[in-house]
Protein backbone atom coordinates (compact mmCIF):
# COMPACT_ATOMS: atom_id res chain seq x y z
CA LEU A 1 188.64 154.18 82.33
CA ASP A 2 186.42 157.25 82.19
CA ARG A 3 182.75 157.28 81.20
CA GLU A 4 183.67 157.27 77.49
CA GLY A 5 185.91 154.28 78.03
CA ARG A 6 189.20 156.10 77.56
CA VAL A 7 192.23 154.67 79.32
CA LEU A 8 193.39 156.98 82.10
CA ASP A 9 196.10 154.67 83.37
CA CYS A 10 197.27 151.07 82.85
CA ASN A 11 200.00 148.73 83.96
CA THR A 12 202.87 147.64 81.74
CA ARG A 13 201.44 144.11 81.34
CA TYR A 14 198.24 145.45 79.74
CA ALA A 15 200.27 147.65 77.36
CA ALA A 16 202.57 144.72 76.48
CA ARG A 17 199.58 142.88 75.03
CA PHE A 18 199.68 145.38 72.16
CA ASP A 19 203.47 145.64 71.99
CA LYS A 20 203.24 149.19 73.35
CA LYS A 21 204.33 151.18 76.39
CA SER A 22 201.83 152.35 78.99
CA ASP A 23 201.92 156.03 77.90
CA GLU A 24 201.10 154.94 74.34
CA ILE A 25 197.83 153.39 75.61
CA ILE A 26 196.63 156.45 77.55
CA GLY A 27 193.62 158.12 75.94
CA LYS A 28 192.66 155.14 73.81
CA THR A 29 189.57 152.97 74.36
CA PRO A 30 189.67 149.16 74.82
CA TRP A 31 187.27 148.69 71.90
CA LYS A 32 189.58 150.63 69.64
CA LEU A 33 192.40 148.35 70.76
CA HIS A 34 190.08 145.31 70.52
CA PRO A 35 187.48 146.06 67.80
CA ASP A 36 186.22 142.46 67.87
CA VAL A 37 185.06 142.75 71.53
CA SER A 38 183.88 146.39 71.46
CA ALA A 39 180.10 145.82 71.70
CA LYS A 40 180.28 143.54 74.73
CA ARG A 41 182.80 145.69 76.60
CA LYS A 42 180.80 148.88 75.89
CA GLU A 43 177.61 147.33 77.27
CA ALA A 44 179.45 146.21 80.40
CA LEU A 45 180.97 149.68 80.89
CA GLU A 46 177.60 151.43 80.51
CA SER A 47 176.00 149.00 82.96
CA VAL A 48 178.62 149.75 85.66
CA PHE A 49 178.21 153.52 85.30
CA GLU A 50 174.39 153.21 85.42
CA THR A 51 174.05 150.71 88.27
CA GLY A 52 177.22 151.22 90.25
CA LYS A 53 177.64 147.43 90.38
CA PRO A 54 180.63 145.45 89.06
CA SER A 55 180.32 143.54 85.78
CA HIS A 56 182.01 140.21 85.12
CA GLY A 57 182.31 138.42 81.79
CA GLU A 58 184.38 136.64 79.18
CA ASP A 59 185.11 137.52 75.57
CA VAL A 60 187.26 136.25 72.76
CA ARG A 61 189.36 138.10 70.22
CA GLU A 62 191.55 137.12 67.32
CA GLY A 63 195.26 136.80 68.08
CA LYS A 64 198.17 137.75 65.84
CA ASN A 65 198.29 134.38 64.11
CA GLY A 66 194.52 134.10 63.81
CA THR A 67 194.03 131.84 66.84
CA PRO A 68 191.35 132.84 69.37
CA ILE A 69 192.47 134.50 72.61
CA TRP A 70 190.04 134.29 75.52
CA ASN A 71 189.87 136.93 78.26
CA GLU A 72 188.07 137.07 81.55
CA TYR A 73 187.31 140.59 82.76
CA ILE A 74 185.86 142.45 85.75
CA ILE A 75 184.82 146.09 85.50
CA SER A 76 184.56 147.60 89.00
CA PRO A 77 183.20 151.10 89.84
CA ILE A 78 185.28 153.82 91.56
CA LEU A 79 182.89 156.04 93.53
CA ASP A 80 183.13 159.64 94.73
CA GLU A 81 182.10 160.78 98.21
CA SER A 82 178.46 161.01 97.17
CA GLY A 83 178.41 157.48 95.77
CA GLU A 84 178.47 158.48 92.12
CA VAL A 85 180.60 156.48 89.69
CA LEU A 86 183.57 158.62 88.65
CA ARG A 87 185.63 156.05 86.87
CA VAL A 88 185.90 152.28 86.52
CA CYS A 89 188.77 149.85 86.83
CA LEU A 90 189.07 147.10 84.24
CA TYR A 91 190.81 143.92 85.35
CA ALA A 92 191.50 141.42 82.57
CA ARG A 93 193.41 138.16 82.34
CA ASP A 94 194.19 135.69 79.57
CA ILE A 95 192.21 132.45 80.09
CA THR A 96 192.97 130.89 76.71
CA LYS A 97 194.63 127.78 78.19
CA ARG A 98 191.68 127.20 80.52
CA LYS A 99 189.13 127.70 77.73
CA ASN A 100 191.01 125.37 75.40
CA THR A 101 191.01 122.74 78.16
CA GLU A 102 187.27 123.28 78.70
CA LEU A 103 186.61 122.98 74.97
CA ARG A 104 188.61 119.76 74.74
CA LEU A 105 186.78 118.44 77.78
CA ALA A 106 183.42 119.38 76.26
CA GLU A 107 184.38 117.62 73.03
CA SER A 108 185.50 114.60 75.03
CA GLU A 109 182.17 114.63 76.90
CA LYS A 110 180.33 114.66 73.57
CA GLU A 111 182.36 111.70 72.34
CA LYS A 112 181.78 109.85 75.64
CA ALA A 113 178.05 110.55 75.45
CA ALA A 114 177.97 109.32 71.84
CA ILE A 115 179.73 106.07 72.83
CA LEU A 116 177.57 105.48 75.90
CA ASP A 117 174.34 106.36 74.09
CA ASN A 118 175.10 103.80 71.39
CA SER A 119 175.93 101.05 73.89
CA PRO A 120 173.43 98.16 74.18
CA PHE A 121 174.05 98.24 77.95
CA HIS A 122 171.86 100.34 80.22
CA ILE A 123 174.19 102.72 82.07
CA LEU A 124 173.11 104.80 85.07
CA LEU A 125 174.97 107.12 87.43
CA GLN A 126 173.18 107.23 90.79
CA ASP A 127 173.56 109.13 94.05
CA MET A 128 173.52 107.53 97.51
CA ASP A 129 169.70 107.47 97.49
CA HIS A 130 169.67 105.67 94.10
CA ARG A 131 168.40 108.78 92.32
CA VAL A 132 169.47 108.89 88.68
CA ILE A 133 172.05 111.61 88.01
CA TRP A 134 172.81 110.57 84.43
CA ALA A 135 171.40 107.88 82.12
CA ASN A 136 172.26 106.76 78.62
CA ARG A 137 169.70 106.43 75.85
CA ALA A 138 169.30 102.63 76.08
CA SER A 139 168.36 102.75 79.76
CA ALA A 140 165.80 105.51 79.18
CA GLU A 141 164.24 103.82 76.14
CA SER A 142 163.85 100.56 78.08
CA VAL A 143 161.15 102.26 80.20
CA GLY A 144 159.75 104.54 77.50
CA MET A 145 161.35 107.71 78.86
CA THR A 146 164.04 110.20 77.87
CA ALA A 147 167.32 110.52 79.72
CA GLU A 148 166.22 113.92 81.06
CA GLU A 149 162.95 112.47 82.34
CA LEU A 150 164.86 109.77 84.24
CA LYS A 151 166.99 112.26 86.18
CA GLY A 152 166.03 112.48 89.84
CA LYS A 153 163.98 109.27 89.80
CA LYS A 154 164.97 106.26 91.92
CA CYS A 155 166.04 103.26 89.85
CA HIS A 156 164.20 100.68 91.99
CA MET A 157 160.94 102.59 91.58
CA VAL A 158 161.32 102.90 87.79
CA TRP A 159 162.39 99.35 86.97
CA ALA A 160 161.21 97.21 89.88
CA ASN A 161 158.21 99.25 91.09
CA ARG A 162 159.64 99.10 94.62
CA LYS A 163 159.80 101.71 97.36
CA THR A 164 163.08 100.30 98.68
CA PRO A 165 166.26 99.13 96.88
CA CYS A 166 166.11 95.66 95.34
CA LYS A 167 167.25 92.65 97.32
CA ASP A 168 170.96 91.95 96.67
CA CYS A 169 171.26 95.28 94.79
CA PRO A 170 174.75 95.19 93.18
CA ILE A 171 175.36 98.89 93.90
CA GLU A 172 174.45 98.43 97.58
CA GLU A 173 176.79 95.42 97.70
CA SER A 174 179.60 97.37 95.99
CA TRP A 175 179.29 100.08 98.65
CA LYS A 176 179.91 97.40 101.28
CA THR A 177 182.76 95.56 99.55
CA GLY A 178 184.44 98.36 97.59
CA GLU A 179 184.50 96.03 94.57
CA PRO A 180 182.25 95.73 91.48
CA GLU A 181 179.37 93.35 92.19
CA THR A 182 177.15 91.47 89.71
CA SER A 183 173.81 89.70 89.97
CA GLU A 184 170.92 88.53 87.82
CA MET A 185 167.59 90.20 88.59
CA LYS A 186 164.02 89.80 87.39
CA THR A 187 161.64 92.78 87.13
CA PRO A 188 157.82 92.67 87.44
CA ASP A 189 157.45 92.77 83.64
CA ASP A 190 159.12 89.28 83.49
CA ARG A 191 162.35 90.63 82.04
CA TRP A 192 165.72 89.36 83.28
CA TRP A 193 168.75 91.63 83.73
CA LEU A 194 172.46 91.11 84.31
CA VAL A 195 173.34 94.01 86.62
CA THR A 196 176.83 95.17 87.61
CA GLY A 197 177.24 97.89 90.23
CA SER A 198 180.39 99.84 91.10
CA ALA A 199 180.92 102.45 93.81
CA VAL A 200 181.87 106.02 92.78
CA GLU A 201 184.23 107.95 95.07
CA ASN A 202 185.23 111.61 95.26
CA GLY A 203 188.79 112.88 95.48
CA GLU A 204 188.92 112.20 99.22
CA GLY A 205 187.94 108.55 98.79
CA GLU A 206 184.41 109.07 100.09
CA THR A 207 181.65 107.05 98.38
CA ILE A 208 179.24 109.47 96.73
CA GLY A 209 177.20 107.20 94.46
CA GLY A 210 177.38 104.30 92.05
CA VAL A 211 177.46 103.33 88.40
CA GLU A 212 175.03 100.62 87.30
CA ILE A 213 175.60 98.76 84.01
CA THR A 214 172.74 96.49 82.99
CA LEU A 215 172.13 94.13 80.08
CA ASP A 216 168.77 92.63 79.15
CA ILE A 217 169.32 88.83 79.28
CA THR A 218 165.68 87.80 78.92
CA LYS A 219 166.32 85.93 75.66
CA ARG A 220 169.29 84.13 77.20
CA LYS A 221 167.27 83.11 80.26
CA MET A 222 164.47 81.81 78.03
CA ALA A 223 167.03 79.83 76.03
CA GLU A 224 168.46 78.43 79.27
CA ARG A 225 164.98 77.35 80.35
CA ARG A 226 164.45 75.57 77.04
CA THR A 227 167.88 73.93 77.38
CA ASP A 228 167.10 72.81 80.92
CA PHE A 229 163.79 71.38 79.73
CA LEU A 230 165.46 69.47 76.88
CA ILE A 231 168.15 68.10 79.21
CA SER A 232 165.45 67.07 81.67
CA LEU A 233 163.61 65.39 78.81
CA LEU A 234 166.80 63.55 77.83
CA ARG A 235 167.60 62.45 81.37
CA HIS A 236 164.12 61.25 82.26
CA ASP A 237 161.99 60.29 79.28
CA VAL A 238 164.71 59.32 76.79
CA LEU A 239 166.99 57.75 79.42
CA ASN A 240 164.11 55.72 80.85
CA ARG A 241 163.34 54.36 77.39
CA ILE A 242 167.00 53.51 76.80
CA GLN A 243 167.09 51.63 80.10
CA ALA A 244 163.93 49.75 79.11
CA VAL A 245 165.58 48.76 75.80
CA GLN A 246 168.69 47.65 77.72
CA GLY A 247 166.53 45.48 79.98
CA PHE A 248 164.94 43.73 77.00
CA LEU A 249 168.33 43.25 75.34
CA GLU A 250 169.80 41.77 78.55
CA LEU A 251 166.88 39.30 78.69
CA LEU A 252 167.39 38.47 75.05
CA LYS A 253 171.12 38.03 75.61
CA HIS A 254 170.48 35.11 77.99
CA THR A 255 168.32 33.15 75.55
CA ASN A 256 169.50 30.59 73.02
CA LEU A 257 171.05 32.90 70.41
CA THR A 258 173.28 32.07 67.52
CA ASP A 259 176.74 33.65 67.52
CA ASN A 260 175.60 36.18 64.94
CA GLN A 261 172.50 37.09 66.97
CA ALA A 262 174.56 37.41 70.16
CA ASN A 263 176.97 39.72 68.32
CA ILE A 264 174.07 41.93 67.17
CA VAL A 265 172.63 42.09 70.70
CA GLY A 266 176.11 43.01 72.03
CA LYS A 267 176.39 45.87 69.54
CA ALA A 268 172.89 47.07 70.45
CA LEU A 269 173.80 47.09 74.15
CA ALA A 270 177.03 48.98 73.39
CA GLY A 271 174.99 51.54 71.41
CA THR A 272 172.57 52.13 74.28
CA LYS A 273 175.51 52.51 76.68
CA GLU A 274 177.03 55.12 74.37
CA GLN A 275 173.75 57.07 74.28
CA GLN A 276 173.60 56.98 78.09
CA ASP A 277 177.14 58.37 78.25
CA ILE A 278 176.29 61.20 75.83
CA ILE A 279 173.23 62.20 77.87
CA GLU A 280 175.27 62.22 81.08
CA ARG A 281 178.04 64.28 79.46
CA VAL A 282 175.53 66.83 78.16
CA ARG A 283 174.18 67.12 81.71
CA LEU A 284 177.69 67.62 83.08
CA LEU A 285 178.49 70.24 80.44
CA ARG A 286 175.44 72.16 81.63
CA LYS A 287 176.72 71.99 85.20
CA VAL A 288 180.14 73.31 84.12
CA GLU A 289 178.39 76.56 83.09
CA GLU A 290 177.18 77.05 86.67
CA GLN A 291 179.56 79.02 88.85
CA GLU A 292 181.04 76.88 91.61
CA GLU A 293 183.26 77.88 94.48
CA THR A 294 186.57 76.03 94.34
CA THR A 295 188.43 74.55 97.27
CA SER A 296 191.52 72.46 97.92
CA VAL A 297 190.94 68.89 96.71
CA ASP A 298 193.25 65.88 97.02
CA ILE A 299 192.94 64.15 93.63
CA ARG A 300 195.00 61.10 94.61
CA PRO A 301 192.06 59.09 96.11
CA ILE A 302 189.82 60.18 93.20
CA ILE A 303 192.28 58.81 90.62
CA GLU A 304 192.89 55.62 92.59
CA THR A 305 189.17 54.89 93.02
CA ILE A 306 188.33 55.52 89.35
CA THR A 307 191.21 53.42 87.98
CA GLU A 308 190.28 50.50 90.25
CA GLN A 309 186.64 50.76 89.16
CA LYS A 310 187.59 50.85 85.48
CA LYS A 311 189.71 47.72 85.85
CA LEU A 312 186.59 45.84 86.89
CA GLN A 313 184.45 47.05 83.97
CA PRO A 314 184.37 45.05 80.72
CA PHE A 315 185.56 47.11 77.75
CA GLY A 316 185.84 44.21 75.27
CA LYS A 317 189.61 43.87 75.50
CA GLU A 318 192.23 43.07 78.12
CA PHE A 319 194.35 46.03 79.21
CA THR A 320 196.64 47.16 81.99
CA ILE A 321 196.57 50.46 83.87
CA GLU A 322 199.83 51.78 85.32
CA ARG A 323 199.85 54.58 87.89
CA GLU A 324 202.91 56.74 88.61
CA MET A 325 201.92 59.09 91.43
CA PRO A 326 203.69 60.53 94.48
CA GLU A 327 202.77 59.03 97.83
CA GLN A 328 201.83 62.36 99.40
CA ARG A 329 198.65 64.40 98.97
CA ILE A 330 198.10 65.85 95.47
CA SER A 331 196.15 69.06 96.11
CA VAL A 332 194.53 71.14 93.36
CA GLN A 333 191.93 73.90 93.19
CA GLY A 334 188.65 72.32 92.13
CA GLY A 335 185.28 71.01 93.11
CA LYS A 336 182.74 68.24 92.64
CA LEU A 337 183.34 67.98 88.87
CA LEU A 338 186.90 66.65 89.31
CA LYS A 339 185.54 63.11 89.62
CA PRO A 340 183.75 63.15 86.22
CA LEU A 341 186.83 64.87 84.75
CA PHE A 342 189.11 61.94 85.59
CA SER A 343 186.39 59.36 84.92
CA ASN A 344 185.91 60.67 81.37
CA LEU A 345 189.66 61.06 80.87
CA ILE A 346 190.39 57.42 81.74
CA GLU A 347 187.25 55.98 80.13
CA ASN A 348 188.02 57.79 76.85
CA ALA A 349 191.36 55.96 76.63
CA LEU A 350 189.79 52.61 77.53
CA GLU A 351 186.92 52.84 75.04
CA HIS A 352 188.51 54.55 72.03
CA SER A 353 192.27 53.93 72.04
CA GLU A 354 192.02 50.29 70.82
CA GLY A 355 195.21 49.65 72.79
CA SER A 356 196.09 47.34 75.68
CA LYS A 357 198.06 49.62 78.01
CA ILE A 358 197.29 52.87 79.81
CA ARG A 359 199.80 54.84 81.85
CA LEU A 360 198.76 57.59 84.25
CA SER A 361 201.40 59.91 85.74
CA VAL A 362 201.52 63.10 87.80
CA ALA A 363 204.00 65.98 87.55
CA GLU A 364 204.03 69.40 89.20
CA ASP A 365 205.60 72.85 89.05
CA ASP A 366 205.13 76.05 91.05
CA GLU A 367 201.71 76.78 89.51
CA PHE A 368 200.14 73.58 88.17
CA ILE A 369 199.66 69.89 88.91
CA THR A 370 199.74 68.00 85.59
CA VAL A 371 197.99 64.64 85.26
CA SER A 372 198.95 62.80 82.07
CA ILE A 373 197.24 59.76 80.61
CA GLU A 374 198.88 57.86 77.74
CA ASP A 375 197.99 54.75 75.78
CA ASP A 376 199.54 52.45 73.19
CA GLY A 377 196.55 52.59 70.85
CA LYS A 378 195.78 54.27 67.57
CA GLY A 379 196.16 57.87 68.82
CA ILE A 380 193.88 60.84 68.20
CA PRO A 381 193.95 62.28 64.66
CA ALA A 382 194.92 65.96 64.36
CA LYS A 383 191.46 66.74 62.95
CA VAL A 384 189.73 65.35 66.04
CA GLN A 385 192.20 67.14 68.32
CA ARG A 386 191.22 70.47 66.71
CA GLU A 387 187.51 69.62 66.96
CA ILE A 388 187.87 68.87 70.69
CA MET A 389 189.59 72.20 71.36
CA GLU A 390 187.05 74.11 69.22
CA ALA A 391 183.92 72.18 70.33
CA ARG A 392 183.14 71.32 66.70
CA PHE A 393 182.46 67.71 65.72
CA ASP A 394 181.95 67.09 62.01
CA ASP A 395 180.89 63.45 62.14
CA GLU A 396 179.47 60.83 64.50
CA GLU A 397 182.82 59.06 64.98
CA SER A 398 184.63 62.20 66.15
CA LYS A 399 181.63 63.19 68.26
CA SER A 400 181.66 59.80 69.98
CA SER A 401 185.39 59.85 70.76
CA GLY A 402 185.72 63.60 71.28
CA LEU A 403 182.81 64.53 73.54
CA GLY A 404 184.42 62.96 76.62
CA LEU A 405 187.68 64.87 76.15
CA TYR A 406 185.78 68.06 75.38
CA LEU A 407 184.05 67.66 78.75
CA VAL A 408 187.48 67.15 80.39
CA LYS A 409 188.67 70.39 78.72
CA GLU A 410 185.63 72.40 79.86
CA ILE A 411 185.89 71.22 83.48
CA ALA A 412 189.64 71.91 83.60
CA GLU A 413 189.15 75.43 82.23
CA ALA A 414 186.28 76.07 84.67
CA TYR A 415 188.80 75.46 87.46
CA GLY A 416 191.43 77.73 85.90
CA GLY A 417 193.35 74.95 84.14
CA ARG A 418 193.74 73.64 80.61
CA ILE A 419 194.42 70.46 78.61
CA GLU A 420 196.90 69.53 75.89
CA ILE A 421 196.52 66.65 73.42
CA GLY A 422 199.44 65.04 71.63
CA ASP A 423 201.27 61.82 70.91
CA SER A 424 202.54 59.36 73.53
CA GLU A 425 205.87 57.58 73.73
CA LEU A 426 203.78 54.39 74.02
CA GLY A 427 202.62 54.89 70.44
CA GLY A 428 199.10 56.19 71.04
CA ALA A 429 197.62 59.40 72.43
CA ARG A 430 198.69 61.55 75.36
CA VAL A 431 196.41 63.96 77.20
CA ASP A 432 197.89 66.37 79.77
CA VAL A 433 195.45 67.97 82.22
CA HIS A 434 196.94 71.02 83.97
CA LEU A 435 195.12 71.95 87.18
CA LYS A 436 195.99 74.83 89.49
CA ARG A 437 197.93 73.85 92.58
CA SER A 438 196.20 74.44 95.88
CA LYS A 439 198.10 77.00 97.95
């Protein structure tokens, strides 16, 4: 191009943009060919002639079908022997595909930001020194700052008022393990947080930072404290009073009572025993919520011990317990709650079936060990079966008979298993407890 911007020469590719031959372009100016980019190109041309320095830029023009066409251009000076700019060379290339990708990416980033900013979780992207690179709105508002104000600050200084990373920091742990790590943490303002940290890697697999996702669980922790207090109250104060009542009833039982009075005392003792069982089951349900490492457990001696103990306990009616178990070790994945699982399973049949026979059997497949207990009693109504599976008891009778099996269900599921309730060939109920085999 000369100083006026006229084309002195061009390649065939440039001419083809306008469906012309090269000699048809000679003498014309780019802004005449592209009126919609004339102002920007003229300014760039004048700048190169005045300064002698190249100019680089992008512009957009309207294509034949009305769609935008993006171009990247470089205008470079051609100097004479004295260093004066004689002419310039314009290099241009179509970058429409790249720009469309960038625009889609920018739109995607806006959508992502909108989603993350409306999340109740606090989300931070940190570098290897725990400096905040990016933060969503919830995390910034939790400390009375904006997301921009958080950038560059260290998370442990902002939230924990510490000069060093927090003890058991999930991001630090994720850098060591290469896996997402989670922990509960308390900050100096008495708030509790559930924090999950994950390592961020670059394309070469090198760790370059971490993503921290945090949820304020202060209300949940306060509710747990209240629950723990109420359970403690039940186990100590209420249970002590129940035991005192039982002591008085036992004394009364051994006095000269009429048959009717003895029957009333017997019912009262049975009622206090039932309340003790409920309190103990509530305590166990609370323990099920606590995470426990599982190990390989042989359930054969557990089942044998519990069935022998139950045979010795008076349940108001004669009954027989049959066991059909293999002679070898019966190993499942579980923990210390397996004993109350089988105790509640067997006791539920003894107390509520109103039958005279209980059969316990064991089956296995490649994945599960299945312990089945059947009785010849009245069975479990479909309504109560649903309530057990849904943890919803509509009346005292279903609560009394269903709480034990609900506890069995919760323990089994905590160990990766499940239960099924149905009808037995003996005429009563059948409960199948599926527990994961120990490998």
